[in-house]
N, C-alpha and C. Protein backbone atom coordinates (compact mmCIF):
# COMPACT_ATOMS: atom_id res chain seq x y z
N MET A 1 101.47 108.71 126.61
CA MET A 1 101.67 109.22 125.36
C MET A 1 102.02 108.60 124.46
N SER A 2 101.38 108.67 123.39
CA SER A 2 101.34 107.75 121.77
C SER A 2 102.70 108.73 121.07
N ARG A 3 103.72 107.80 121.03
CA ARG A 3 105.04 108.44 120.05
C ARG A 3 104.05 108.48 118.48
N VAL A 4 103.44 107.61 118.38
CA VAL A 4 103.01 107.80 116.96
C VAL A 4 101.99 108.34 116.04
N GLY A 5 101.06 108.70 117.13
CA GLY A 5 99.99 109.45 117.17
C GLY A 5 100.20 110.68 117.14
N LYS A 6 100.78 111.19 118.30
CA LYS A 6 100.94 112.98 118.16
C LYS A 6 101.71 113.53 116.64
N HIS A 7 102.17 112.40 115.88
CA HIS A 7 102.71 113.31 114.17
C HIS A 7 101.79 113.74 113.45
N PRO A 8 101.17 114.05 112.67
CA PRO A 8 100.36 114.42 111.83
C PRO A 8 100.15 113.64 110.40
N VAL A 9 99.37 113.04 110.13
CA VAL A 9 99.73 112.83 108.73
C VAL A 9 99.42 114.02 107.37
N PRO A 10 100.80 114.09 106.89
CA PRO A 10 100.81 115.04 106.03
C PRO A 10 99.93 114.08 104.59
N LEU A 11 99.24 115.44 103.74
CA LEU A 11 98.60 115.05 102.43
C LEU A 11 99.51 115.32 101.33
N ALA A 12 99.44 114.01 100.71
CA ALA A 12 100.07 113.97 99.55
C ALA A 12 99.59 115.00 98.09
N ASP A 13 99.97 115.27 97.19
CA ASP A 13 99.73 116.06 96.17
C ASP A 13 98.18 115.38 95.95
N GLY A 14 97.50 116.11 95.40
CA GLY A 14 96.03 115.19 94.74
C GLY A 14 95.24 114.34 95.89
N VAL A 15 95.50 114.57 96.92
CA VAL A 15 94.67 113.58 98.22
C VAL A 15 93.90 115.17 98.93
N LYS A 16 92.53 114.47 98.89
CA LYS A 16 91.57 115.06 99.61
C LYS A 16 91.08 114.23 100.59
N ALA A 17 90.66 115.07 101.50
CA ALA A 17 90.43 114.23 102.83
C ALA A 17 89.27 114.93 104.14
N GLU A 18 88.24 114.58 104.40
CA GLU A 18 86.95 115.59 104.89
C GLU A 18 86.70 114.59 105.95
N VAL A 19 86.03 114.82 107.07
CA VAL A 19 85.68 114.28 108.15
C VAL A 19 83.81 114.34 107.66
N LYS A 20 82.96 113.38 107.65
CA LYS A 20 82.07 113.85 107.24
C LYS A 20 80.92 112.75 108.23
N ASP A 21 80.04 113.17 109.48
CA ASP A 21 79.18 111.90 109.68
C ASP A 21 79.84 111.06 110.51
N GLY A 22 80.69 110.85 111.13
CA GLY A 22 81.76 110.19 112.24
C GLY A 22 82.48 109.19 111.22
N ALA A 23 83.19 109.80 110.01
CA ALA A 23 83.83 108.73 109.08
C ALA A 23 84.69 109.86 108.49
N LEU A 24 85.71 108.90 108.07
CA LEU A 24 86.96 110.09 107.31
C LEU A 24 86.94 109.50 106.02
N ILE A 25 86.89 110.44 105.40
CA ILE A 25 86.77 110.05 103.49
C ILE A 25 87.98 110.39 102.79
N VAL A 26 88.56 109.62 102.46
CA VAL A 26 90.07 110.04 101.96
C VAL A 26 90.27 109.99 100.28
N SER A 27 90.58 110.82 99.16
CA SER A 27 90.14 110.43 97.64
C SER A 27 91.59 110.75 97.13
N GLY A 28 91.88 110.40 96.51
CA GLY A 28 92.78 110.31 95.62
C GLY A 28 93.10 109.72 94.09
N LYS A 29 93.91 109.59 93.44
CA LYS A 29 93.97 109.23 92.09
C LYS A 29 93.55 108.27 91.78
N LEU A 30 93.93 106.80 92.68
CA LEU A 30 93.85 105.69 92.76
C LEU A 30 92.21 105.63 92.85
N GLY A 31 91.84 106.25 94.08
CA GLY A 31 90.35 105.88 94.63
C GLY A 31 90.09 106.70 95.81
N THR A 32 89.01 106.13 96.46
CA THR A 32 88.31 106.50 97.41
C THR A 32 88.42 105.48 98.37
N LEU A 33 88.46 106.00 99.61
CA LEU A 33 88.56 105.33 100.65
C LEU A 33 87.86 106.11 102.00
N ASN A 34 86.74 104.89 102.95
CA ASN A 34 86.94 105.95 104.26
C ASN A 34 86.55 104.74 104.66
N MET A 35 87.08 105.36 106.39
CA MET A 35 87.14 104.82 107.75
C MET A 35 86.01 105.27 108.62
N PRO A 36 84.96 104.46 109.13
CA PRO A 36 84.55 105.09 110.48
C PRO A 36 85.91 105.52 111.66
N VAL A 37 85.32 107.00 112.46
CA VAL A 37 86.18 107.07 113.37
C VAL A 37 85.47 106.98 114.70
N HIS A 38 86.54 106.09 115.50
CA HIS A 38 85.86 105.64 116.87
C HIS A 38 85.48 106.98 117.57
N PRO A 39 84.27 107.10 118.38
CA PRO A 39 83.83 108.44 119.24
C PRO A 39 85.28 108.39 120.13
N ASP A 40 86.34 107.70 120.92
CA ASP A 40 87.17 108.28 121.85
C ASP A 40 88.36 108.75 120.75
N VAL A 41 88.50 109.03 119.31
CA VAL A 41 88.94 109.76 119.15
C VAL A 41 88.67 110.66 118.23
N GLU A 42 89.28 111.94 118.04
CA GLU A 42 89.21 113.39 117.57
C GLU A 42 89.90 113.26 116.17
N VAL A 43 89.28 113.61 115.24
CA VAL A 43 90.31 113.55 113.93
C VAL A 43 89.97 115.05 112.92
N LYS A 44 91.40 116.04 113.03
CA LYS A 44 90.97 116.95 112.24
C LYS A 44 91.95 116.95 111.13
N VAL A 45 90.77 118.04 109.80
CA VAL A 45 92.19 117.83 108.82
C VAL A 45 92.11 119.37 108.68
N GLU A 46 93.35 119.82 108.52
CA GLU A 46 93.87 120.80 108.70
C GLU A 46 95.30 121.62 107.88
N ALA A 47 95.25 122.55 107.15
CA ALA A 47 96.57 123.10 106.33
C ALA A 47 97.15 121.57 105.82
N GLY A 48 96.71 120.93 104.85
CA GLY A 48 97.33 120.23 104.01
C GLY A 48 97.94 119.17 105.25
N GLN A 49 96.94 118.65 106.26
CA GLN A 49 97.39 117.38 106.93
C GLN A 49 96.13 117.32 107.82
N ILE A 50 96.31 116.23 108.52
CA ILE A 50 95.48 115.05 109.08
C ILE A 50 95.92 114.97 110.84
N SER A 51 95.39 115.52 111.56
CA SER A 51 95.69 115.24 113.36
C SER A 51 95.05 114.41 113.59
N VAL A 52 95.13 113.56 115.35
CA VAL A 52 94.30 112.74 115.70
C VAL A 52 94.77 112.81 117.04
N ASN A 53 94.02 112.83 118.04
CA ASN A 53 94.17 113.38 119.30
C ASN A 53 92.88 112.06 119.84
N PRO A 54 93.33 111.97 120.86
CA PRO A 54 92.30 111.35 122.10
C PRO A 54 91.31 112.39 122.52
N ARG A 55 89.88 112.24 122.22
CA ARG A 55 88.99 112.86 123.15
C ARG A 55 88.91 112.73 124.69
N THR A 56 89.32 111.64 125.21
CA THR A 56 89.41 112.04 126.76
C THR A 56 90.98 111.28 127.37
N LYS A 57 91.02 110.93 128.10
CA LYS A 57 92.33 110.17 128.85
C LYS A 57 91.99 108.44 129.01
N SER A 58 91.10 108.25 128.50
CA SER A 58 90.46 106.91 128.59
C SER A 58 91.47 106.20 128.23
N ILE A 59 91.50 104.88 128.54
CA ILE A 59 92.39 103.87 128.44
C ILE A 59 92.40 103.44 126.64
N ARG A 60 90.88 103.55 126.17
CA ARG A 60 90.72 103.03 125.25
C ARG A 60 91.07 104.10 123.78
N GLY A 61 91.15 105.42 124.48
CA GLY A 61 91.02 106.49 123.68
C GLY A 61 92.59 106.55 123.20
N ARG A 62 93.42 106.12 124.02
CA ARG A 62 95.33 106.60 124.06
C ARG A 62 95.44 105.20 123.65
N MET A 63 94.75 103.72 123.27
CA MET A 63 94.91 102.69 122.56
C MET A 63 94.78 102.93 121.02
N LEU A 64 93.32 103.75 120.89
CA LEU A 64 92.64 104.00 119.34
C LEU A 64 93.77 105.01 118.98
N TRP A 65 94.49 105.55 119.76
CA TRP A 65 94.97 107.12 118.80
C TRP A 65 96.11 106.74 117.79
N GLY A 66 97.13 106.23 118.15
CA GLY A 66 98.27 105.69 117.20
C GLY A 66 97.73 104.54 116.19
N THR A 67 96.84 103.48 116.74
CA THR A 67 96.11 103.05 115.49
C THR A 67 95.33 103.90 114.51
N THR A 68 94.25 104.99 114.92
CA THR A 68 93.88 105.23 113.66
C THR A 68 94.97 106.14 113.05
N ARG A 69 96.06 107.17 113.68
CA ARG A 69 96.66 107.71 112.77
C ARG A 69 97.35 106.49 111.70
N ASN A 70 97.90 105.51 112.04
CA ASN A 70 98.37 104.74 111.25
C ASN A 70 97.25 104.33 109.96
N ASN A 71 96.29 103.56 110.50
CA ASN A 71 95.17 103.55 109.30
C ASN A 71 94.91 104.78 108.00
N ILE A 72 94.92 106.09 109.16
CA ILE A 72 94.92 107.01 108.32
C ILE A 72 96.36 107.41 107.28
N ALA A 73 97.43 106.92 107.62
CA ALA A 73 98.74 107.13 107.05
C ALA A 73 98.50 105.80 105.61
N ASN A 74 98.08 105.01 105.83
CA ASN A 74 97.92 103.80 105.11
C ASN A 74 96.49 104.28 104.34
N MET A 75 95.80 105.17 104.47
CA MET A 75 94.68 105.38 103.37
C MET A 75 95.27 106.42 102.49
N VAL A 76 95.79 107.41 103.25
CA VAL A 76 96.67 108.39 102.15
C VAL A 76 97.60 107.95 101.47
N LYS A 77 98.48 106.84 101.63
CA LYS A 77 99.44 106.38 100.83
C LYS A 77 99.03 105.80 99.87
N GLY A 78 97.65 104.88 100.36
CA GLY A 78 97.14 104.33 99.47
C GLY A 78 96.24 104.63 98.26
N VAL A 79 95.85 105.82 98.19
CA VAL A 79 95.23 106.59 97.09
C VAL A 79 96.13 107.28 96.23
N SER A 80 97.30 107.95 96.95
CA SER A 80 98.50 108.37 95.79
C SER A 80 99.63 107.25 95.54
N GLU A 81 99.89 106.23 95.87
CA GLU A 81 100.59 105.51 95.48
C GLU A 81 100.56 104.17 95.46
N GLY A 82 99.38 103.23 96.51
CA GLY A 82 99.05 102.25 96.05
C GLY A 82 99.66 101.15 96.75
N PHE A 83 99.72 99.93 96.96
CA PHE A 83 100.39 99.08 97.69
C PHE A 83 100.44 97.77 96.79
N LYS A 84 101.26 97.07 97.20
CA LYS A 84 101.95 96.32 96.26
C LYS A 84 102.11 94.60 96.96
N ARG A 85 102.08 93.42 96.42
CA ARG A 85 102.45 92.38 97.25
C ARG A 85 102.90 91.45 96.10
N VAL A 86 103.80 90.83 96.59
CA VAL A 86 104.38 89.47 95.23
C VAL A 86 104.53 88.15 95.96
N LEU A 87 104.22 87.52 95.43
CA LEU A 87 103.73 86.01 95.71
C LEU A 87 104.69 85.10 94.78
N GLU A 88 105.71 84.27 95.23
CA GLU A 88 106.80 83.28 94.54
C GLU A 88 105.81 81.82 94.83
N ILE A 89 106.07 81.39 93.43
CA ILE A 89 105.48 79.76 93.41
C ILE A 89 106.60 79.08 93.50
N GLU A 90 106.61 77.86 94.24
CA GLU A 90 107.95 76.90 93.97
C GLU A 90 107.42 75.41 93.68
N GLY A 91 107.50 74.92 93.17
CA GLY A 91 107.26 72.99 93.47
C GLY A 91 107.38 72.68 91.63
N VAL A 92 107.17 71.68 91.23
CA VAL A 92 107.64 70.99 90.04
C VAL A 92 106.12 71.06 89.72
N GLY A 93 106.16 71.71 88.72
CA GLY A 93 104.45 71.59 87.80
C GLY A 93 103.58 72.61 88.46
N PHE A 94 104.23 73.28 89.42
CA PHE A 94 103.05 74.72 90.05
C PHE A 94 103.36 75.95 89.14
N ARG A 95 102.00 76.32 88.68
CA ARG A 95 102.20 77.46 88.16
C ARG A 95 100.81 78.16 88.19
N ALA A 96 100.86 79.61 87.72
CA ALA A 96 99.76 80.19 87.69
C ALA A 96 99.83 81.10 86.38
N ALA A 97 98.28 81.58 86.18
CA ALA A 97 97.97 82.46 84.93
C ALA A 97 96.76 82.75 84.94
N MET A 98 96.65 84.04 84.36
CA MET A 98 95.14 84.86 84.09
C MET A 98 94.49 84.51 83.33
N GLN A 99 93.12 84.55 83.38
CA GLN A 99 92.29 84.05 82.53
C GLN A 99 91.25 84.69 82.70
N GLY A 100 91.52 86.00 82.15
CA GLY A 100 89.94 87.08 82.10
C GLY A 100 90.31 88.23 83.10
N LYS A 101 89.68 87.66 84.25
CA LYS A 101 89.82 88.16 85.86
C LYS A 101 90.07 87.07 86.80
N GLU A 102 90.19 86.20 86.95
CA GLU A 102 90.43 85.05 87.26
C GLU A 102 92.16 84.56 87.20
N LEU A 103 92.60 84.38 88.61
CA LEU A 103 93.94 83.48 88.42
C LEU A 103 93.23 82.38 88.21
N VAL A 104 94.09 81.52 87.89
CA VAL A 104 94.00 80.28 87.54
C VAL A 104 95.40 79.47 87.95
N LEU A 105 95.42 78.57 89.07
CA LEU A 105 96.78 78.05 89.77
C LEU A 105 96.79 76.60 89.69
N GLN A 106 97.84 76.21 89.09
CA GLN A 106 98.18 74.75 89.33
C GLN A 106 99.25 74.29 90.23
N LEU A 107 98.44 73.44 91.70
CA LEU A 107 99.43 73.57 92.65
C LEU A 107 99.83 72.19 93.04
N GLY A 108 99.48 71.17 92.00
CA GLY A 108 99.57 69.84 92.27
C GLY A 108 98.57 69.32 93.10
N PHE A 109 97.36 69.57 92.78
CA PHE A 109 96.40 68.79 92.82
C PHE A 109 95.59 68.10 91.62
N SER A 110 94.13 67.35 91.98
CA SER A 110 94.10 66.81 90.53
C SER A 110 93.23 67.85 90.11
N HIS A 111 92.88 69.18 90.13
CA HIS A 111 92.38 70.06 89.53
C HIS A 111 92.91 71.47 89.82
N GLU A 112 92.85 72.53 88.85
CA GLU A 112 93.10 73.58 88.70
C GLU A 112 92.18 74.65 90.04
N VAL A 113 93.20 75.47 90.92
CA VAL A 113 92.39 76.17 91.64
C VAL A 113 92.10 77.35 91.46
N ARG A 114 90.81 77.98 90.91
CA ARG A 114 90.72 79.51 90.11
C ARG A 114 90.31 80.74 91.02
N TYR A 115 90.71 81.97 91.46
CA TYR A 115 90.79 82.58 92.24
C TYR A 115 90.49 83.87 91.52
N ALA A 116 88.90 84.51 91.49
CA ALA A 116 88.69 85.95 91.22
C ALA A 116 88.77 86.81 92.28
N ALA A 117 89.50 87.97 91.36
CA ALA A 117 89.60 89.12 91.95
C ALA A 117 89.14 89.82 91.96
N PRO A 118 88.98 90.00 93.71
CA PRO A 118 87.83 91.37 94.30
C PRO A 118 87.85 92.70 93.43
N ALA A 119 86.93 93.13 93.74
CA ALA A 119 87.07 94.77 93.13
C ALA A 119 88.12 95.29 93.69
N GLY A 120 89.05 96.48 92.96
CA GLY A 120 89.38 97.18 93.71
C GLY A 120 91.09 96.76 93.63
N ILE A 121 91.13 95.13 93.17
CA ILE A 121 92.44 94.49 93.69
C ILE A 121 92.53 94.24 91.87
N GLU A 122 94.03 94.41 91.44
CA GLU A 122 94.51 94.21 90.25
C GLU A 122 95.64 93.03 90.66
N ILE A 123 95.10 91.41 89.94
CA ILE A 123 96.36 90.46 90.20
C ILE A 123 96.62 90.03 88.65
N LYS A 124 98.04 90.19 88.93
CA LYS A 124 98.97 89.97 87.36
C LYS A 124 99.66 88.78 87.95
N ALA A 125 99.72 88.01 86.41
CA ALA A 125 100.95 86.52 86.60
C ALA A 125 101.83 87.03 85.63
N GLU A 126 102.37 87.63 86.17
CA GLU A 126 103.82 88.20 85.76
C GLU A 126 105.04 87.20 84.98
N LYS A 127 105.28 85.96 85.58
CA LYS A 127 105.77 84.88 85.03
C LYS A 127 104.95 83.47 85.22
N PRO A 128 104.69 82.99 85.23
CA PRO A 128 104.62 81.49 85.95
C PRO A 128 104.59 81.34 87.19
N THR A 129 105.56 81.55 87.69
CA THR A 129 105.99 81.06 89.25
C THR A 129 105.93 82.68 89.85
N LEU A 130 105.41 83.73 89.45
CA LEU A 130 105.48 85.20 89.87
C LEU A 130 103.68 85.54 89.89
N ILE A 131 103.32 85.72 91.09
CA ILE A 131 102.08 86.62 91.19
C ILE A 131 102.48 88.28 91.91
N SER A 132 101.69 89.27 91.45
CA SER A 132 102.19 90.34 91.68
C SER A 132 100.31 91.30 92.37
N ILE A 133 100.09 90.93 93.28
CA ILE A 133 98.77 91.46 93.99
C ILE A 133 98.87 93.44 94.26
N SER A 134 98.41 94.36 93.37
CA SER A 134 98.53 95.58 94.52
C SER A 134 96.84 96.09 93.77
N GLY A 135 96.88 97.30 94.60
CA GLY A 135 95.58 97.82 94.80
C GLY A 135 95.69 99.35 95.82
N PHE A 136 94.98 99.46 95.96
CA PHE A 136 95.12 100.82 96.96
C PHE A 136 94.48 100.67 98.52
N ASP A 137 94.22 99.87 98.20
CA ASP A 137 93.68 99.16 100.20
C ASP A 137 94.30 98.67 100.92
N ARG A 138 95.42 98.68 101.66
CA ARG A 138 96.49 98.04 102.14
C ARG A 138 95.67 96.60 102.90
N GLN A 139 94.51 96.56 103.57
CA GLN A 139 93.86 95.57 104.13
C GLN A 139 93.38 94.30 103.21
N LYS A 140 92.71 95.15 102.19
CA LYS A 140 92.16 94.05 100.89
C LYS A 140 93.96 93.50 100.24
N VAL A 141 94.57 94.10 100.16
CA VAL A 141 95.74 93.42 99.37
C VAL A 141 96.29 92.55 100.07
N GLY A 142 96.54 92.87 101.47
CA GLY A 142 97.10 91.62 102.22
C GLY A 142 96.40 90.29 102.31
N GLN A 143 94.99 90.83 102.65
CA GLN A 143 93.91 89.87 102.40
C GLN A 143 94.06 88.78 101.04
N VAL A 144 94.10 89.41 100.06
CA VAL A 144 94.03 88.79 98.67
C VAL A 144 95.04 88.17 98.40
N ALA A 145 96.32 88.48 99.19
CA ALA A 145 97.74 87.74 98.93
C ALA A 145 97.69 86.68 100.22
N ALA A 146 97.47 86.56 101.41
CA ALA A 146 97.15 85.65 102.48
C ALA A 146 96.33 84.60 102.08
N GLU A 147 95.02 84.43 101.59
CA GLU A 147 93.92 83.93 100.73
C GLU A 147 94.91 82.82 99.46
N ILE A 148 95.58 83.78 98.97
CA ILE A 148 95.73 82.89 97.43
C ILE A 148 97.25 82.09 98.43
N ARG A 149 98.23 82.75 99.29
CA ARG A 149 98.81 81.74 99.80
C ARG A 149 98.57 80.48 100.18
N GLY A 150 97.32 80.96 101.25
CA GLY A 150 96.49 79.71 101.91
C GLY A 150 96.35 78.79 101.00
N MET A 151 96.08 78.64 99.95
CA MET A 151 95.89 77.35 98.67
C MET A 151 96.42 76.40 99.03
N ARG A 152 98.16 76.77 99.15
CA ARG A 152 99.13 75.85 99.07
C ARG A 152 100.57 76.70 99.90
N LYS A 153 100.34 75.81 101.40
CA LYS A 153 101.38 76.98 102.29
C LYS A 153 102.83 76.45 101.70
N PRO A 154 103.94 76.96 102.23
CA PRO A 154 105.15 76.32 101.73
C PRO A 154 105.15 75.45 102.79
N GLU A 155 105.92 73.95 102.36
CA GLU A 155 106.16 73.02 103.26
C GLU A 155 107.56 73.35 103.92
N PRO A 156 107.94 72.63 104.84
CA PRO A 156 109.46 72.89 105.58
C PRO A 156 110.46 71.48 104.57
N TYR A 157 110.10 70.78 104.04
CA TYR A 157 110.98 69.77 104.10
C TYR A 157 111.66 69.84 102.16
N LYS A 158 110.54 70.30 101.53
CA LYS A 158 111.29 70.70 100.22
C LYS A 158 111.01 72.32 99.84
N GLY A 159 110.09 72.83 100.44
CA GLY A 159 109.81 74.02 100.26
C GLY A 159 109.14 74.76 99.27
N LYS A 160 108.31 73.53 98.75
CA LYS A 160 107.02 73.43 97.77
C LYS A 160 106.37 74.11 98.04
N GLY A 161 105.31 75.49 97.42
CA GLY A 161 104.05 75.96 97.79
C GLY A 161 104.30 77.30 97.12
N ILE A 162 103.24 78.33 97.91
CA ILE A 162 103.65 79.73 97.20
C ILE A 162 103.49 80.15 98.55
N ARG A 163 104.81 81.48 98.85
CA ARG A 163 105.12 81.99 99.46
C ARG A 163 105.64 83.93 98.98
N TYR A 164 105.72 84.29 100.15
CA TYR A 164 106.03 85.86 100.10
C TYR A 164 107.08 85.89 99.19
N ALA A 165 107.56 87.10 98.56
CA ALA A 165 108.50 87.51 97.79
C ALA A 165 109.44 87.57 98.74
N GLY A 166 110.47 87.27 99.29
CA GLY A 166 111.29 87.24 99.97
C GLY A 166 111.58 86.32 101.67
N GLU A 167 110.40 86.08 101.71
CA GLU A 167 109.72 84.65 102.56
C GLU A 167 110.87 83.88 103.02
N TRP A 168 111.32 84.02 104.09
CA TRP A 168 112.17 82.40 104.64
C TRP A 168 111.36 81.29 105.16
N ILE A 169 111.21 80.50 104.16
CA ILE A 169 111.00 79.21 104.76
C ILE A 169 111.95 78.44 105.78
N ARG A 170 111.66 78.14 107.03
CA ARG A 170 112.39 77.08 107.62
C ARG A 170 112.86 75.85 107.39
N ARG A 171 113.94 75.12 106.92
CA ARG A 171 114.04 74.00 105.99
C ARG A 171 114.24 72.84 107.39
N LYS A 172 113.59 71.43 107.14
CA LYS A 172 113.52 70.34 108.29
C LYS A 172 114.12 69.58 107.57
N GLU A 173 115.11 68.69 108.20
CA GLU A 173 115.78 67.49 107.65
C GLU A 173 114.87 66.35 107.80
N GLY A 174 115.07 65.47 106.51
CA GLY A 174 114.07 64.52 106.43
C GLY A 174 114.53 62.97 106.74
N LYS A 175 113.79 62.33 106.39
CA LYS A 175 114.45 60.90 107.08
C LYS A 175 115.60 60.53 106.93
N LYS A 176 115.78 59.92 107.97
CA LYS A 176 117.68 59.25 108.11
C LYS A 176 117.62 57.70 107.50
N LYS A 177 118.03 57.28 107.02
CA LYS A 177 117.85 55.42 107.18
C LYS A 177 118.59 55.00 108.17
């Protein structure tokens, strides 16, 4: 029995959900998200909440039960509140700036790196060393943050690079004479 899946997802104020043609559509003040529902899982919208149950006692149905419930909870939170990831840049001469919809990064390469914000994602360079990524789709926000971080991952000797806010980098000792 799934401990997560048996709890229904409450709908926040101003959020509407409906199951149509094997897909769940959740809309709110920030946007609309849809997710295909696996045939082994049953999704019901009733009385201001969404409940998820496995259709059969198959292994796959029980595996997808809790996962589907958490994905739906993320959709409801996304269209009502949104998600945000913050990245910090550390290193001499490393900085970020926005030019229109493009993020321009100077990361110690011979050229500047440009990253165009995908649809539904808002990127802000609050300081030259602080980037905030926000949007209503949790998967997209995390993917964009991972792609930007991957341009210059933090290195273990000096700690230079792009890291998540609050991320702890394990440091290594350098060469000894």
